[in-house]
Amino acid sequence: MESFGLEAPKFVKILSRKDVVGNELKIPSSFCTQFAERIRPKFHLKLRTGFLVPVEFDKRRGVLMGLGSFFNQFDFKGGEMLVFEYFGRLDFNLSVLGTNCSEIEYPMMVNSFQTCNPLRVKLVAGGWRFAKFIDPTEKIYDEIVSTEILALIFVL
């Protein structure tokens, strides 16, 4: 899942209840405008465990098809966030953030057509993903405070 310094185009999709009971997922039109011509009609979404999700891409509608069994296998309810990373004509990498905005504990399984064993996601292998939604009215601190300064503050 590492890109070795390359910045992969990404998009995020927050799943609705309607999404998880269906078999299709609309992808953002801005992503389609930029990349639809390069995306193959059939490819895999690849989770960090090695789990592959075979999907089809309808370029005209900007829709991924064939996600119903994936949604069922992972017991999605709606509110989960899918983070898609595109590395060119190859498959997409996919991370799943739960309703708590932190990456889920992936089930240790692979699809029936796969011959490999699932991989355990490790913090050192790409880190753990999470999301933080920012309230525009909330003050944002954009600097790092040295631990030495913090220690001094707590001593005083």
N, C-alpha and C. Protein backbone atom coordinates (compact mmCIF):
# COMPACT_ATOMS: atom_id res chain seq x y z
N MET A 1 0.81 -1.19 0.00
CA MET A 1 0.00 0.00 0.00
C MET A 1 0.86 1.25 0.00
N GLU A 2 2.13 1.11 0.14
CA GLU A 2 3.01 2.27 0.16
C GLU A 2 3.25 2.75 -1.25
N SER A 3 3.44 4.04 -1.40
CA SER A 3 3.66 4.62 -2.72
C SER A 3 5.08 5.09 -2.92
N PHE A 4 5.97 4.86 -1.94
CA PHE A 4 7.38 5.22 -2.05
C PHE A 4 7.57 6.67 -2.45
N GLY A 5 6.89 7.57 -1.75
CA GLY A 5 7.07 9.00 -1.97
C GLY A 5 6.14 9.60 -3.01
N LEU A 6 5.46 8.79 -3.80
CA LEU A 6 4.54 9.31 -4.78
C LEU A 6 3.23 9.68 -4.09
N GLU A 7 2.65 10.77 -4.51
CA GLU A 7 1.36 11.18 -3.95
C GLU A 7 0.26 10.63 -4.85
N ALA A 8 -0.48 9.67 -4.34
CA ALA A 8 -1.55 9.04 -5.12
C ALA A 8 -2.81 9.88 -5.03
N PRO A 9 -3.51 10.05 -6.16
CA PRO A 9 -4.81 10.72 -6.09
C PRO A 9 -5.74 9.92 -5.19
N LYS A 10 -6.50 10.62 -4.38
CA LYS A 10 -7.38 9.97 -3.41
C LYS A 10 -8.77 10.59 -3.47
N PHE A 11 -9.73 9.82 -3.04
CA PHE A 11 -11.04 10.39 -2.74
C PHE A 11 -11.64 9.60 -1.60
N VAL A 12 -12.57 10.23 -0.92
CA VAL A 12 -13.21 9.64 0.25
C VAL A 12 -14.70 9.54 -0.03
N LYS A 13 -15.28 8.44 0.39
CA LYS A 13 -16.72 8.25 0.25
C LYS A 13 -17.27 7.82 1.61
N ILE A 14 -18.19 8.60 2.16
CA ILE A 14 -18.88 8.22 3.39
C ILE A 14 -20.11 7.43 2.99
N LEU A 15 -20.20 6.21 3.49
CA LEU A 15 -21.28 5.31 3.09
C LEU A 15 -22.58 5.66 3.79
N SER A 16 -23.64 5.72 3.02
CA SER A 16 -24.98 5.91 3.58
C SER A 16 -25.61 4.53 3.78
N ARG A 17 -26.70 4.50 4.49
CA ARG A 17 -27.44 3.24 4.67
C ARG A 17 -27.88 2.70 3.30
N LYS A 18 -28.27 3.60 2.42
CA LYS A 18 -28.69 3.21 1.07
C LYS A 18 -27.52 2.58 0.30
N ASP A 19 -26.32 3.13 0.47
CA ASP A 19 -25.14 2.56 -0.20
C ASP A 19 -24.89 1.12 0.22
N VAL A 20 -24.93 0.86 1.53
CA VAL A 20 -24.52 -0.46 2.04
C VAL A 20 -25.54 -1.57 1.78
N VAL A 21 -26.76 -1.22 1.42
CA VAL A 21 -27.73 -2.26 1.06
C VAL A 21 -27.78 -2.44 -0.45
N GLY A 22 -27.01 -1.63 -1.17
CA GLY A 22 -26.96 -1.73 -2.63
C GLY A 22 -25.72 -2.46 -3.11
N ASN A 23 -25.49 -2.36 -4.41
CA ASN A 23 -24.36 -3.04 -5.04
C ASN A 23 -23.46 -2.06 -5.80
N GLU A 24 -23.83 -0.78 -5.78
CA GLU A 24 -23.10 0.23 -6.55
C GLU A 24 -22.69 1.37 -5.64
N LEU A 25 -21.67 2.11 -6.11
CA LEU A 25 -21.20 3.27 -5.36
C LEU A 25 -20.76 4.33 -6.36
N LYS A 26 -21.39 5.49 -6.27
CA LYS A 26 -21.04 6.62 -7.14
C LYS A 26 -19.74 7.23 -6.63
N ILE A 27 -18.81 7.48 -7.54
CA ILE A 27 -17.57 8.12 -7.12
C ILE A 27 -17.63 9.60 -7.50
N PRO A 28 -16.86 10.44 -6.83
CA PRO A 28 -16.96 11.89 -7.05
C PRO A 28 -16.73 12.28 -8.51
N SER A 29 -17.57 13.19 -9.00
CA SER A 29 -17.48 13.61 -10.40
C SER A 29 -16.13 14.28 -10.69
N SER A 30 -15.56 14.98 -9.72
CA SER A 30 -14.26 15.63 -9.95
C SER A 30 -13.18 14.57 -10.20
N PHE A 31 -13.24 13.45 -9.51
CA PHE A 31 -12.29 12.36 -9.72
C PHE A 31 -12.52 11.73 -11.09
N CYS A 32 -13.78 11.50 -11.44
CA CYS A 32 -14.12 10.92 -12.75
C CYS A 32 -13.64 11.81 -13.89
N THR A 33 -13.86 13.11 -13.76
CA THR A 33 -13.44 14.04 -14.80
C THR A 33 -11.95 13.92 -15.07
N GLN A 34 -11.18 13.77 -14.03
CA GLN A 34 -9.73 13.73 -14.16
C GLN A 34 -9.18 12.35 -14.54
N PHE A 35 -9.80 11.26 -14.07
CA PHE A 35 -9.18 9.94 -14.20
C PHE A 35 -10.02 8.87 -14.90
N ALA A 36 -11.28 9.12 -15.21
CA ALA A 36 -12.16 8.06 -15.74
C ALA A 36 -11.60 7.38 -16.99
N GLU A 37 -10.96 8.13 -17.86
CA GLU A 37 -10.43 7.54 -19.10
C GLU A 37 -9.31 6.55 -18.84
N ARG A 38 -8.64 6.66 -17.70
CA ARG A 38 -7.51 5.78 -17.38
C ARG A 38 -7.93 4.52 -16.60
N ILE A 39 -9.10 4.55 -15.99
CA ILE A 39 -9.53 3.44 -15.14
C ILE A 39 -10.06 2.30 -16.00
N ARG A 40 -9.57 1.10 -15.73
CA ARG A 40 -10.01 -0.09 -16.48
C ARG A 40 -11.47 -0.42 -16.14
N PRO A 41 -12.18 -1.08 -17.04
CA PRO A 41 -13.58 -1.44 -16.77
C PRO A 41 -13.73 -2.46 -15.63
N LYS A 42 -12.71 -3.31 -15.42
CA LYS A 42 -12.73 -4.28 -14.32
C LYS A 42 -11.40 -4.19 -13.59
N PHE A 43 -11.46 -4.13 -12.27
CA PHE A 43 -10.24 -4.07 -11.46
C PHE A 43 -10.57 -4.52 -10.04
N HIS A 44 -9.59 -4.45 -9.15
CA HIS A 44 -9.78 -4.83 -7.75
C HIS A 44 -9.55 -3.64 -6.84
N LEU A 45 -10.32 -3.60 -5.77
CA LEU A 45 -10.02 -2.72 -4.64
C LEU A 45 -9.21 -3.59 -3.69
N LYS A 46 -8.06 -3.08 -3.24
CA LYS A 46 -7.17 -3.89 -2.40
C LYS A 46 -7.08 -3.30 -1.01
N LEU A 47 -7.51 -4.09 -0.02
CA LEU A 47 -7.39 -3.68 1.38
C LEU A 47 -5.98 -3.97 1.87
N ARG A 48 -5.62 -3.36 2.99
CA ARG A 48 -4.27 -3.52 3.53
C ARG A 48 -3.97 -4.95 3.98
N THR A 49 -4.97 -5.76 4.18
CA THR A 49 -4.78 -7.16 4.57
C THR A 49 -4.53 -8.06 3.36
N GLY A 50 -4.66 -7.50 2.16
CA GLY A 50 -4.55 -8.31 0.95
C GLY A 50 -5.90 -8.72 0.40
N PHE A 51 -6.98 -8.46 1.14
CA PHE A 51 -8.34 -8.79 0.70
C PHE A 51 -8.62 -8.01 -0.59
N LEU A 52 -9.07 -8.71 -1.62
CA LEU A 52 -9.38 -8.09 -2.90
C LEU A 52 -10.88 -8.05 -3.13
N VAL A 53 -11.36 -6.92 -3.61
CA VAL A 53 -12.77 -6.76 -3.94
C VAL A 53 -12.87 -6.53 -5.44
N PRO A 54 -13.35 -7.52 -6.21
CA PRO A 54 -13.48 -7.32 -7.66
C PRO A 54 -14.65 -6.37 -7.95
N VAL A 55 -14.39 -5.35 -8.76
CA VAL A 55 -15.43 -4.38 -9.11
C VAL A 55 -15.39 -4.09 -10.60
N GLU A 56 -16.48 -3.55 -11.08
CA GLU A 56 -16.56 -3.06 -12.45
C GLU A 56 -16.80 -1.56 -12.38
N PHE A 57 -16.28 -0.84 -13.36
CA PHE A 57 -16.42 0.61 -13.39
C PHE A 57 -17.23 1.01 -14.61
N ASP A 58 -18.35 1.68 -14.37
CA ASP A 58 -19.18 2.23 -15.44
C ASP A 58 -18.73 3.68 -15.63
N LYS A 59 -17.91 3.89 -16.64
CA LYS A 59 -17.30 5.20 -16.89
C LYS A 59 -18.37 6.27 -17.16
N ARG A 60 -19.39 5.91 -17.93
CA ARG A 60 -20.43 6.87 -18.30
C ARG A 60 -21.17 7.42 -17.07
N ARG A 61 -21.48 6.53 -16.12
CA ARG A 61 -22.22 6.95 -14.91
C ARG A 61 -21.31 7.31 -13.75
N GLY A 62 -20.02 6.97 -13.83
CA GLY A 62 -19.09 7.22 -12.72
C GLY A 62 -19.44 6.38 -11.50
N VAL A 63 -19.70 5.08 -11.74
CA VAL A 63 -20.19 4.19 -10.69
C VAL A 63 -19.32 2.93 -10.62
N LEU A 64 -19.00 2.53 -9.39
CA LEU A 64 -18.37 1.23 -9.14
C LEU A 64 -19.47 0.22 -8.87
N MET A 65 -19.40 -0.93 -9.52
CA MET A 65 -20.44 -1.96 -9.37
C MET A 65 -19.83 -3.24 -8.82
N GLY A 66 -20.62 -3.98 -8.05
CA GLY A 66 -20.17 -5.26 -7.51
C GLY A 66 -19.72 -5.19 -6.06
N LEU A 67 -20.18 -4.18 -5.34
CA LEU A 67 -19.74 -3.98 -3.96
C LEU A 67 -20.65 -4.62 -2.91
N GLY A 68 -21.80 -5.13 -3.32
CA GLY A 68 -22.77 -5.66 -2.36
C GLY A 68 -22.21 -6.73 -1.44
N SER A 69 -21.48 -7.70 -1.99
CA SER A 69 -20.96 -8.78 -1.14
C SER A 69 -19.89 -8.25 -0.19
N PHE A 70 -19.09 -7.28 -0.63
CA PHE A 70 -18.08 -6.65 0.24
C PHE A 70 -18.77 -5.95 1.41
N PHE A 71 -19.81 -5.18 1.12
CA PHE A 71 -20.55 -4.49 2.18
C PHE A 71 -21.12 -5.50 3.18
N ASN A 72 -21.63 -6.62 2.67
CA ASN A 72 -22.18 -7.66 3.55
C ASN A 72 -21.10 -8.36 4.36
N GLN A 73 -19.99 -8.75 3.71
CA GLN A 73 -18.91 -9.46 4.40
C GLN A 73 -18.34 -8.64 5.56
N PHE A 74 -18.29 -7.32 5.39
CA PHE A 74 -17.71 -6.47 6.42
C PHE A 74 -18.78 -5.87 7.34
N ASP A 75 -20.03 -6.26 7.11
CA ASP A 75 -21.14 -5.87 7.98
C ASP A 75 -21.27 -4.35 8.14
N PHE A 76 -21.12 -3.63 7.03
CA PHE A 76 -21.27 -2.18 7.08
C PHE A 76 -22.72 -1.81 7.36
N LYS A 77 -22.90 -0.77 8.14
CA LYS A 77 -24.24 -0.30 8.52
C LYS A 77 -24.56 1.07 7.93
N GLY A 78 -23.55 1.78 7.47
CA GLY A 78 -23.68 3.16 7.04
C GLY A 78 -22.93 4.04 8.02
N GLY A 79 -22.30 5.09 7.51
CA GLY A 79 -21.49 5.97 8.35
C GLY A 79 -20.01 5.66 8.25
N GLU A 80 -19.64 4.49 7.69
CA GLU A 80 -18.23 4.17 7.49
C GLU A 80 -17.68 5.03 6.36
N MET A 81 -16.38 5.21 6.37
CA MET A 81 -15.72 6.04 5.38
C MET A 81 -14.72 5.18 4.60
N LEU A 82 -14.82 5.22 3.28
CA LEU A 82 -13.88 4.49 2.43
C LEU A 82 -12.90 5.49 1.84
N VAL A 83 -11.61 5.20 1.96
CA VAL A 83 -10.56 6.06 1.40
C VAL A 83 -9.93 5.30 0.24
N PHE A 84 -10.11 5.83 -0.97
CA PHE A 84 -9.61 5.21 -2.19
C PHE A 84 -8.32 5.90 -2.61
N GLU A 85 -7.28 5.11 -2.93
CA GLU A 85 -6.02 5.64 -3.45
C GLU A 85 -5.78 5.02 -4.82
N TYR A 86 -5.54 5.86 -5.81
CA TYR A 86 -5.39 5.41 -7.19
C TYR A 86 -3.94 5.57 -7.63
N PHE A 87 -3.32 4.47 -8.08
CA PHE A 87 -1.93 4.50 -8.51
C PHE A 87 -1.79 4.25 -10.01
N GLY A 88 -2.70 4.76 -10.80
CA GLY A 88 -2.62 4.54 -12.24
C GLY A 88 -3.52 3.40 -12.66
N ARG A 89 -3.24 2.77 -13.79
CA ARG A 89 -4.11 1.75 -14.37
C ARG A 89 -4.28 0.51 -13.49
N LEU A 90 -3.51 0.41 -12.44
CA LEU A 90 -3.60 -0.76 -11.56
C LEU A 90 -4.79 -0.64 -10.63
N ASP A 91 -4.90 -1.58 -9.72
CA ASP A 91 -6.00 -1.59 -8.75
C ASP A 91 -5.92 -0.39 -7.82
N PHE A 92 -7.02 -0.14 -7.14
CA PHE A 92 -7.09 0.91 -6.13
C PHE A 92 -6.75 0.31 -4.77
N ASN A 93 -6.05 1.05 -3.94
CA ASN A 93 -5.90 0.68 -2.53
C ASN A 93 -7.11 1.25 -1.80
N LEU A 94 -7.58 0.54 -0.80
CA LEU A 94 -8.77 0.96 -0.08
C LEU A 94 -8.54 0.82 1.42
N SER A 95 -8.81 1.89 2.15
CA SER A 95 -8.79 1.86 3.61
C SER A 95 -10.21 2.11 4.09
N VAL A 96 -10.56 1.49 5.21
CA VAL A 96 -11.91 1.63 5.76
C VAL A 96 -11.79 2.28 7.14
N LEU A 97 -12.46 3.42 7.30
CA LEU A 97 -12.53 4.08 8.60
C LEU A 97 -13.93 3.83 9.15
N GLY A 98 -14.00 3.43 10.40
CA GLY A 98 -15.28 3.16 11.04
C GLY A 98 -16.01 4.44 11.40
N THR A 99 -17.14 4.30 12.04
CA THR A 99 -17.94 5.47 12.42
C THR A 99 -17.26 6.31 13.49
N ASN A 100 -16.20 5.77 14.11
CA ASN A 100 -15.41 6.54 15.08
C ASN A 100 -14.28 7.31 14.40
N CYS A 101 -14.23 7.28 13.06
CA CYS A 101 -13.24 7.99 12.23
C CYS A 101 -11.84 7.40 12.34
N SER A 102 -11.69 6.21 12.87
CA SER A 102 -10.40 5.52 12.96
C SER A 102 -10.46 4.27 12.08
N GLU A 103 -9.32 3.89 11.54
CA GLU A 103 -9.29 2.71 10.68
C GLU A 103 -9.79 1.49 11.46
N ILE A 104 -10.58 0.67 10.79
CA ILE A 104 -11.18 -0.49 11.44
C ILE A 104 -10.14 -1.58 11.67
N GLU A 105 -10.47 -2.50 12.56
CA GLU A 105 -9.71 -3.74 12.71
C GLU A 105 -10.26 -4.65 11.61
N TYR A 106 -9.46 -4.87 10.59
CA TYR A 106 -9.93 -5.65 9.45
C TYR A 106 -10.10 -7.12 9.82
N PRO A 107 -11.17 -7.75 9.33
CA PRO A 107 -11.31 -9.19 9.55
C PRO A 107 -10.15 -9.93 8.87
N MET A 108 -9.66 -10.96 9.49
CA MET A 108 -8.55 -11.74 8.93
C MET A 108 -9.10 -12.76 7.94
N MET A 109 -9.43 -12.27 6.74
CA MET A 109 -9.98 -13.15 5.72
C MET A 109 -9.56 -12.63 4.35
N VAL A 110 -9.64 -13.51 3.37
CA VAL A 110 -9.47 -13.14 1.97
C VAL A 110 -10.66 -13.69 1.21
N ASN A 111 -10.85 -13.22 -0.01
CA ASN A 111 -11.96 -13.71 -0.82
C ASN A 111 -11.70 -15.14 -1.27
N SER A 112 -12.75 -15.86 -1.61
CA SER A 112 -12.64 -17.28 -1.95
C SER A 112 -11.74 -17.53 -3.16
N PHE A 113 -11.62 -16.57 -4.08
CA PHE A 113 -10.79 -16.76 -5.27
C PHE A 113 -9.31 -16.48 -5.00
N GLN A 114 -8.97 -16.00 -3.81
CA GLN A 114 -7.59 -15.68 -3.48
C GLN A 114 -6.88 -16.89 -2.89
N THR A 115 -5.60 -17.03 -3.21
CA THR A 115 -4.83 -18.17 -2.72
C THR A 115 -3.84 -17.79 -1.63
N CYS A 116 -3.85 -16.53 -1.22
CA CYS A 116 -2.92 -16.07 -0.18
C CYS A 116 -3.60 -16.05 1.18
N ASN A 117 -2.80 -15.88 2.22
CA ASN A 117 -3.33 -15.70 3.57
C ASN A 117 -3.49 -14.21 3.84
N PRO A 118 -4.43 -13.82 4.69
CA PRO A 118 -4.58 -12.39 5.00
C PRO A 118 -3.36 -11.88 5.77
N LEU A 119 -3.05 -10.61 5.55
CA LEU A 119 -1.94 -9.96 6.24
C LEU A 119 -2.48 -9.18 7.43
N ARG A 120 -1.74 -9.17 8.51
CA ARG A 120 -2.12 -8.36 9.66
C ARG A 120 -1.61 -6.94 9.44
N VAL A 121 -2.48 -5.96 9.61
CA VAL A 121 -2.10 -4.56 9.43
C VAL A 121 -1.26 -4.14 10.63
N LYS A 122 -0.11 -3.57 10.36
CA LYS A 122 0.79 -3.13 11.42
C LYS A 122 0.98 -1.63 11.35
N LEU A 123 1.19 -1.03 12.50
CA LEU A 123 1.40 0.41 12.53
C LEU A 123 2.63 0.81 11.74
N VAL A 124 3.68 0.01 11.76
CA VAL A 124 4.91 0.37 11.06
C VAL A 124 4.78 0.21 9.55
N ALA A 125 3.81 -0.50 9.08
CA ALA A 125 3.63 -0.73 7.65
C ALA A 125 2.59 0.25 7.09
N GLY A 126 2.92 1.51 7.07
CA GLY A 126 2.02 2.50 6.49
C GLY A 126 1.21 3.27 7.51
N GLY A 127 1.35 2.95 8.78
CA GLY A 127 0.63 3.70 9.81
C GLY A 127 -0.82 3.31 9.90
N TRP A 128 -1.48 3.90 10.85
CA TRP A 128 -2.91 3.68 11.07
C TRP A 128 -3.63 4.93 10.61
N ARG A 129 -4.67 4.79 9.84
CA ARG A 129 -5.36 5.95 9.29
C ARG A 129 -6.51 6.37 10.19
N PHE A 130 -6.75 7.68 10.19
CA PHE A 130 -7.88 8.23 10.93
C PHE A 130 -8.28 9.53 10.26
N ALA A 131 -9.43 10.05 10.64
CA ALA A 131 -9.92 11.32 10.10
C ALA A 131 -10.31 12.22 11.25
N LYS A 132 -10.15 13.49 11.05
CA LYS A 132 -10.57 14.50 12.02
C LYS A 132 -11.33 15.55 11.25
N PHE A 133 -12.59 15.69 11.55
CA PHE A 133 -13.40 16.71 10.90
C PHE A 133 -13.23 18.01 11.67
N ILE A 134 -12.98 19.08 10.95
CA ILE A 134 -12.68 20.37 11.57
C ILE A 134 -13.90 21.27 11.49
N ASP A 135 -14.27 21.82 12.62
CA ASP A 135 -15.35 22.79 12.71
C ASP A 135 -14.76 24.14 12.32
N PRO A 136 -15.31 24.81 11.29
CA PRO A 136 -14.73 26.08 10.86
C PRO A 136 -14.77 27.17 11.93
N THR A 137 -15.61 27.00 12.94
CA THR A 137 -15.67 28.00 14.01
C THR A 137 -14.67 27.71 15.12
N GLU A 138 -14.05 26.53 15.06
CA GLU A 138 -13.10 26.11 16.09
C GLU A 138 -11.70 26.64 15.76
N LYS A 139 -11.00 27.14 16.77
CA LYS A 139 -9.65 27.63 16.57
C LYS A 139 -8.72 26.45 16.29
N ILE A 140 -7.85 26.61 15.29
CA ILE A 140 -6.92 25.56 14.92
C ILE A 140 -5.52 25.99 15.32
N TYR A 141 -4.85 25.14 16.06
CA TYR A 141 -3.46 25.40 16.45
C TYR A 141 -2.57 24.69 15.45
N ASP A 142 -1.72 25.45 14.81
CA ASP A 142 -0.92 24.93 13.72
C ASP A 142 0.57 24.96 14.05
N GLU A 143 0.90 24.60 15.28
CA GLU A 143 2.31 24.57 15.66
C GLU A 143 2.52 23.45 16.67
N ILE A 144 3.75 23.03 16.77
CA ILE A 144 4.11 21.96 17.69
C ILE A 144 4.78 22.58 18.91
N VAL A 145 4.34 22.18 20.08
CA VAL A 145 4.91 22.68 21.32
C VAL A 145 5.91 21.65 21.83
N SER A 146 7.11 22.10 22.12
CA SER A 146 8.17 21.23 22.60
C SER A 146 7.78 20.59 23.92
N THR A 147 8.16 19.33 24.11
CA THR A 147 7.86 18.65 25.38
C THR A 147 8.61 19.31 26.53
N GLU A 148 9.75 19.95 26.24
CA GLU A 148 10.49 20.65 27.29
C GLU A 148 9.67 21.82 27.82
N ILE A 149 9.02 22.54 26.93
CA ILE A 149 8.18 23.67 27.34
C ILE A 149 6.98 23.15 28.13
N LEU A 150 6.38 22.06 27.67
CA LEU A 150 5.24 21.49 28.40
C LEU A 150 5.66 21.05 29.79
N ALA A 151 6.82 20.43 29.91
CA ALA A 151 7.32 20.00 31.22
C ALA A 151 7.51 21.21 32.13
N LEU A 152 8.02 22.30 31.59
CA LEU A 152 8.23 23.52 32.37
C LEU A 152 6.89 24.09 32.83
N ILE A 153 5.90 24.08 31.96
CA ILE A 153 4.58 24.60 32.31
C ILE A 153 3.98 23.79 33.46
N PHE A 154 4.08 22.45 33.39
CA PHE A 154 3.50 21.61 34.44
C PHE A 154 4.26 21.71 35.75
N VAL A 155 5.55 22.03 35.70
CA VAL A 155 6.34 22.18 36.92
C VAL A 155 5.96 23.46 37.64
N LEU A 156 5.69 24.51 36.88
CA LEU A 156 5.34 25.81 37.48
C LEU A 156 4.01 25.73 38.10
